[in-house]
Amino acid sequence: MKVNDEEKTKQILNRLSRIIGQLQAVKRMTEEKRECSEILIQISAARSALESVSKLLLQDHVNTCIQKAIEKNDDTAINDLNNILSKFLY
């Protein structure tokens, strides 16, 4: 799958950069022996941000790749989508 729009690509890359920054902060906080509750809050924020960017990518995938596959009667793409969803819906 590839992101099909320059603006979406930029948006996703910006979000991923922020997530990387959050994770670096978690590492730094751990090294500094900060309070566990502070670290856990940052981990929660990073996880939420990662889920958000995942949803954005999944929406793009459905709106482009899956739509095209449906138009072409390509069952492989539907099976791939089911596999992706099974990983997200744990």
N, C-alpha and C. Protein backbone atom coordinates (compact mmCIF):
# COMPACT_ATOMS: atom_id res chain seq x y z
N MET A 1 0.84 -1.18 0.00
CA MET A 1 0.00 0.00 0.00
C MET A 1 0.88 1.23 0.00
N LYS A 2 0.43 2.23 -0.69
CA LYS A 2 1.13 3.51 -0.64
C LYS A 2 0.12 4.62 -0.45
N VAL A 3 0.57 5.66 0.21
CA VAL A 3 -0.30 6.81 0.43
C VAL A 3 -0.45 7.52 -0.90
N ASN A 4 -1.69 7.84 -1.27
CA ASN A 4 -1.98 8.30 -2.61
C ASN A 4 -2.14 9.80 -2.77
N ASP A 5 -1.77 10.57 -1.80
CA ASP A 5 -1.97 12.00 -1.87
C ASP A 5 -0.81 12.69 -1.15
N GLU A 6 -0.24 13.70 -1.79
CA GLU A 6 0.91 14.40 -1.21
C GLU A 6 0.58 15.00 0.15
N GLU A 7 -0.59 15.59 0.27
CA GLU A 7 -0.97 16.22 1.54
C GLU A 7 -1.13 15.17 2.64
N LYS A 8 -1.72 14.03 2.30
CA LYS A 8 -1.85 12.96 3.29
C LYS A 8 -0.48 12.43 3.69
N THR A 9 0.40 12.30 2.72
CA THR A 9 1.76 11.83 3.02
C THR A 9 2.44 12.78 3.99
N LYS A 10 2.33 14.07 3.73
CA LYS A 10 2.93 15.08 4.61
C LYS A 10 2.33 15.01 6.00
N GLN A 11 1.02 14.87 6.07
CA GLN A 11 0.31 14.78 7.34
C GLN A 11 0.78 13.56 8.14
N ILE A 12 0.89 12.43 7.47
CA ILE A 12 1.32 11.20 8.13
C ILE A 12 2.76 11.32 8.61
N LEU A 13 3.63 11.87 7.77
CA LEU A 13 5.03 12.04 8.17
C LEU A 13 5.16 12.98 9.36
N ASN A 14 4.37 14.05 9.39
CA ASN A 14 4.40 14.97 10.53
C ASN A 14 3.95 14.26 11.81
N ARG A 15 2.91 13.48 11.70
CA ARG A 15 2.42 12.75 12.88
C ARG A 15 3.46 11.74 13.35
N LEU A 16 4.08 11.04 12.41
CA LEU A 16 5.10 10.06 12.80
C LEU A 16 6.30 10.74 13.45
N SER A 17 6.66 11.91 12.97
CA SER A 17 7.76 12.67 13.59
C SER A 17 7.43 13.03 15.03
N ARG A 18 6.18 13.44 15.27
CA ARG A 18 5.76 13.75 16.63
C ARG A 18 5.79 12.52 17.52
N ILE A 19 5.37 11.38 16.97
CA ILE A 19 5.37 10.13 17.74
C ILE A 19 6.81 9.74 18.09
N ILE A 20 7.70 9.89 17.15
CA ILE A 20 9.12 9.60 17.41
C ILE A 20 9.62 10.50 18.54
N GLY A 21 9.25 11.77 18.49
CA GLY A 21 9.64 12.71 19.54
C GLY A 21 9.08 12.29 20.89
N GLN A 22 7.83 11.84 20.91
CA GLN A 22 7.21 11.38 22.16
C GLN A 22 7.96 10.17 22.71
N LEU A 23 8.33 9.24 21.84
CA LEU A 23 9.03 8.05 22.30
C LEU A 23 10.44 8.38 22.78
N GLN A 24 11.08 9.33 22.14
CA GLN A 24 12.39 9.77 22.61
C GLN A 24 12.26 10.42 23.99
N ALA A 25 11.17 11.14 24.21
CA ALA A 25 10.92 11.75 25.52
C ALA A 25 10.69 10.67 26.58
N VAL A 26 9.98 9.61 26.22
CA VAL A 26 9.76 8.49 27.14
C VAL A 26 11.10 7.86 27.52
N LYS A 27 11.96 7.66 26.55
CA LYS A 27 13.28 7.09 26.82
C LYS A 27 14.07 8.00 27.75
N ARG A 28 14.06 9.28 27.43
CA ARG A 28 14.80 10.26 28.24
C ARG A 28 14.26 10.30 29.68
N MET A 29 12.93 10.29 29.81
CA MET A 29 12.31 10.30 31.13
C MET A 29 12.69 9.06 31.93
N THR A 30 12.76 7.93 31.25
CA THR A 30 13.15 6.68 31.92
C THR A 30 14.60 6.76 32.38
N GLU A 31 15.46 7.28 31.51
CA GLU A 31 16.87 7.43 31.88
C GLU A 31 17.04 8.39 33.06
N GLU A 32 16.19 9.40 33.13
CA GLU A 32 16.23 10.37 34.21
C GLU A 32 15.54 9.88 35.47
N LYS A 33 15.01 8.66 35.41
CA LYS A 33 14.29 8.04 36.53
C LYS A 33 13.12 8.90 37.02
N ARG A 34 12.35 9.41 36.06
CA ARG A 34 11.16 10.20 36.37
C ARG A 34 10.09 9.29 36.95
N GLU A 35 9.07 9.89 37.51
CA GLU A 35 7.97 9.13 38.10
C GLU A 35 7.31 8.22 37.06
N CYS A 36 7.00 7.02 37.48
CA CYS A 36 6.36 6.05 36.58
C CYS A 36 5.07 6.62 35.99
N SER A 37 4.30 7.32 36.80
CA SER A 37 3.02 7.86 36.31
C SER A 37 3.24 8.85 35.17
N GLU A 38 4.29 9.66 35.25
CA GLU A 38 4.59 10.61 34.17
C GLU A 38 4.97 9.88 32.89
N ILE A 39 5.76 8.84 33.04
CA ILE A 39 6.20 8.05 31.88
C ILE A 39 5.01 7.35 31.25
N LEU A 40 4.16 6.78 32.07
CA LEU A 40 2.98 6.08 31.56
C LEU A 40 2.04 7.02 30.81
N ILE A 41 1.91 8.24 31.27
CA ILE A 41 1.08 9.23 30.57
C ILE A 41 1.65 9.50 29.19
N GLN A 42 2.96 9.63 29.10
CA GLN A 42 3.60 9.87 27.80
C GLN A 42 3.45 8.66 26.88
N ILE A 43 3.56 7.46 27.44
CA ILE A 43 3.38 6.25 26.63
C ILE A 43 1.95 6.20 26.11
N SER A 44 0.99 6.54 26.95
CA SER A 44 -0.41 6.55 26.54
C SER A 44 -0.64 7.54 25.40
N ALA A 45 -0.02 8.72 25.51
CA ALA A 45 -0.16 9.73 24.45
C ALA A 45 0.44 9.24 23.14
N ALA A 46 1.61 8.59 23.22
CA ALA A 46 2.27 8.07 22.02
C ALA A 46 1.43 6.96 21.38
N ARG A 47 0.88 6.10 22.22
CA ARG A 47 0.05 5.01 21.70
C ARG A 47 -1.20 5.56 21.02
N SER A 48 -1.81 6.55 21.62
CA SER A 48 -2.99 7.18 21.03
C SER A 48 -2.65 7.83 19.68
N ALA A 49 -1.52 8.50 19.63
CA ALA A 49 -1.09 9.14 18.38
C ALA A 49 -0.81 8.09 17.30
N LEU A 50 -0.22 6.98 17.68
CA LEU A 50 0.06 5.90 16.73
C LEU A 50 -1.24 5.28 16.21
N GLU A 51 -2.21 5.11 17.10
CA GLU A 51 -3.51 4.59 16.67
C GLU A 51 -4.18 5.55 15.70
N SER A 52 -4.03 6.83 15.95
CA SER A 52 -4.63 7.85 15.09
C SER A 52 -4.03 7.81 13.68
N VAL A 53 -2.72 7.73 13.60
CA VAL A 53 -2.08 7.67 12.28
C VAL A 53 -2.40 6.34 11.58
N SER A 54 -2.55 5.28 12.36
CA SER A 54 -2.95 3.99 11.77
C SER A 54 -4.33 4.08 11.14
N LYS A 55 -5.25 4.74 11.83
CA LYS A 55 -6.61 4.91 11.29
C LYS A 55 -6.58 5.73 10.00
N LEU A 56 -5.76 6.76 9.99
CA LEU A 56 -5.63 7.59 8.79
C LEU A 56 -5.14 6.75 7.60
N LEU A 57 -4.14 5.94 7.84
CA LEU A 57 -3.61 5.07 6.78
C LEU A 57 -4.64 4.03 6.34
N LEU A 58 -5.35 3.46 7.30
CA LEU A 58 -6.37 2.47 6.98
C LEU A 58 -7.49 3.09 6.15
N GLN A 59 -7.91 4.30 6.51
CA GLN A 59 -8.94 4.98 5.73
C GLN A 59 -8.48 5.22 4.29
N ASP A 60 -7.24 5.65 4.14
CA ASP A 60 -6.70 5.88 2.81
C ASP A 60 -6.66 4.57 2.02
N HIS A 61 -6.27 3.51 2.68
CA HIS A 61 -6.21 2.20 2.02
C HIS A 61 -7.59 1.77 1.53
N VAL A 62 -8.58 1.91 2.38
CA VAL A 62 -9.95 1.52 2.01
C VAL A 62 -10.47 2.41 0.88
N ASN A 63 -10.23 3.70 0.98
CA ASN A 63 -10.77 4.64 0.00
C ASN A 63 -10.09 4.58 -1.35
N THR A 64 -8.90 4.02 -1.41
CA THR A 64 -8.19 3.96 -2.68
C THR A 64 -7.98 2.51 -3.13
N CYS A 65 -7.12 1.81 -2.45
CA CYS A 65 -6.75 0.46 -2.88
C CYS A 65 -7.93 -0.51 -2.88
N ILE A 66 -8.69 -0.50 -1.80
CA ILE A 66 -9.82 -1.43 -1.71
C ILE A 66 -10.91 -1.04 -2.70
N GLN A 67 -11.15 0.24 -2.85
CA GLN A 67 -12.14 0.70 -3.83
C GLN A 67 -11.78 0.22 -5.23
N LYS A 68 -10.52 0.37 -5.60
CA LYS A 68 -10.07 -0.10 -6.92
C LYS A 68 -10.19 -1.61 -7.04
N ALA A 69 -9.87 -2.31 -5.97
CA ALA A 69 -9.96 -3.77 -5.99
C ALA A 69 -11.40 -4.23 -6.17
N ILE A 70 -12.33 -3.56 -5.53
CA ILE A 70 -13.74 -3.90 -5.67
C ILE A 70 -14.19 -3.69 -7.11
N GLU A 71 -13.76 -2.58 -7.69
CA GLU A 71 -14.12 -2.30 -9.08
C GLU A 71 -13.57 -3.36 -10.03
N LYS A 72 -12.44 -3.96 -9.68
CA LYS A 72 -11.81 -4.99 -10.52
C LYS A 72 -12.18 -6.41 -10.09
N ASN A 73 -13.07 -6.53 -9.09
CA ASN A 73 -13.43 -7.84 -8.54
C ASN A 73 -12.22 -8.62 -8.04
N ASP A 74 -11.31 -7.91 -7.38
CA ASP A 74 -10.08 -8.50 -6.86
C ASP A 74 -10.28 -8.93 -5.41
N ASP A 75 -10.52 -10.23 -5.21
CA ASP A 75 -10.75 -10.75 -3.86
C ASP A 75 -9.48 -10.76 -3.02
N THR A 76 -8.32 -10.74 -3.66
CA THR A 76 -7.06 -10.75 -2.92
C THR A 76 -6.95 -9.54 -2.01
N ALA A 77 -7.32 -8.38 -2.51
CA ALA A 77 -7.24 -7.15 -1.71
C ALA A 77 -8.19 -7.21 -0.52
N ILE A 78 -9.35 -7.80 -0.71
CA ILE A 78 -10.30 -7.95 0.39
C ILE A 78 -9.72 -8.88 1.45
N ASN A 79 -9.10 -9.96 1.03
CA ASN A 79 -8.45 -10.88 1.97
C ASN A 79 -7.32 -10.19 2.72
N ASP A 80 -6.55 -9.39 2.00
CA ASP A 80 -5.47 -8.62 2.64
C ASP A 80 -6.04 -7.65 3.68
N LEU A 81 -7.14 -7.00 3.34
CA LEU A 81 -7.77 -6.08 4.28
C LEU A 81 -8.23 -6.83 5.53
N ASN A 82 -8.80 -7.99 5.34
CA ASN A 82 -9.24 -8.79 6.50
C ASN A 82 -8.05 -9.14 7.39
N ASN A 83 -6.91 -9.46 6.79
CA ASN A 83 -5.71 -9.76 7.57
C ASN A 83 -5.23 -8.52 8.34
N ILE A 84 -5.26 -7.38 7.68
CA ILE A 84 -4.86 -6.14 8.34
C ILE A 84 -5.79 -5.85 9.52
N LEU A 85 -7.09 -5.97 9.28
CA LEU A 85 -8.05 -5.68 10.34
C LEU A 85 -7.89 -6.63 11.52
N SER A 86 -7.58 -7.88 11.25
CA SER A 86 -7.40 -8.84 12.35
C SER A 86 -6.22 -8.46 13.23
N LYS A 87 -5.23 -7.79 12.67
CA LYS A 87 -4.08 -7.32 13.45
C LYS A 87 -4.45 -6.09 14.29
N PHE A 88 -5.34 -5.24 13.78
CA PHE A 88 -5.72 -4.04 14.49
C PHE A 88 -6.79 -4.28 15.54
N LEU A 89 -7.60 -5.29 15.31
CA LEU A 89 -8.71 -5.56 16.23
C LEU A 89 -8.34 -6.70 17.17
N TYR A 90 -7.39 -6.46 18.03
CA TYR A 90 -6.91 -7.50 18.96
C TYR A 90 -7.72 -7.58 20.20
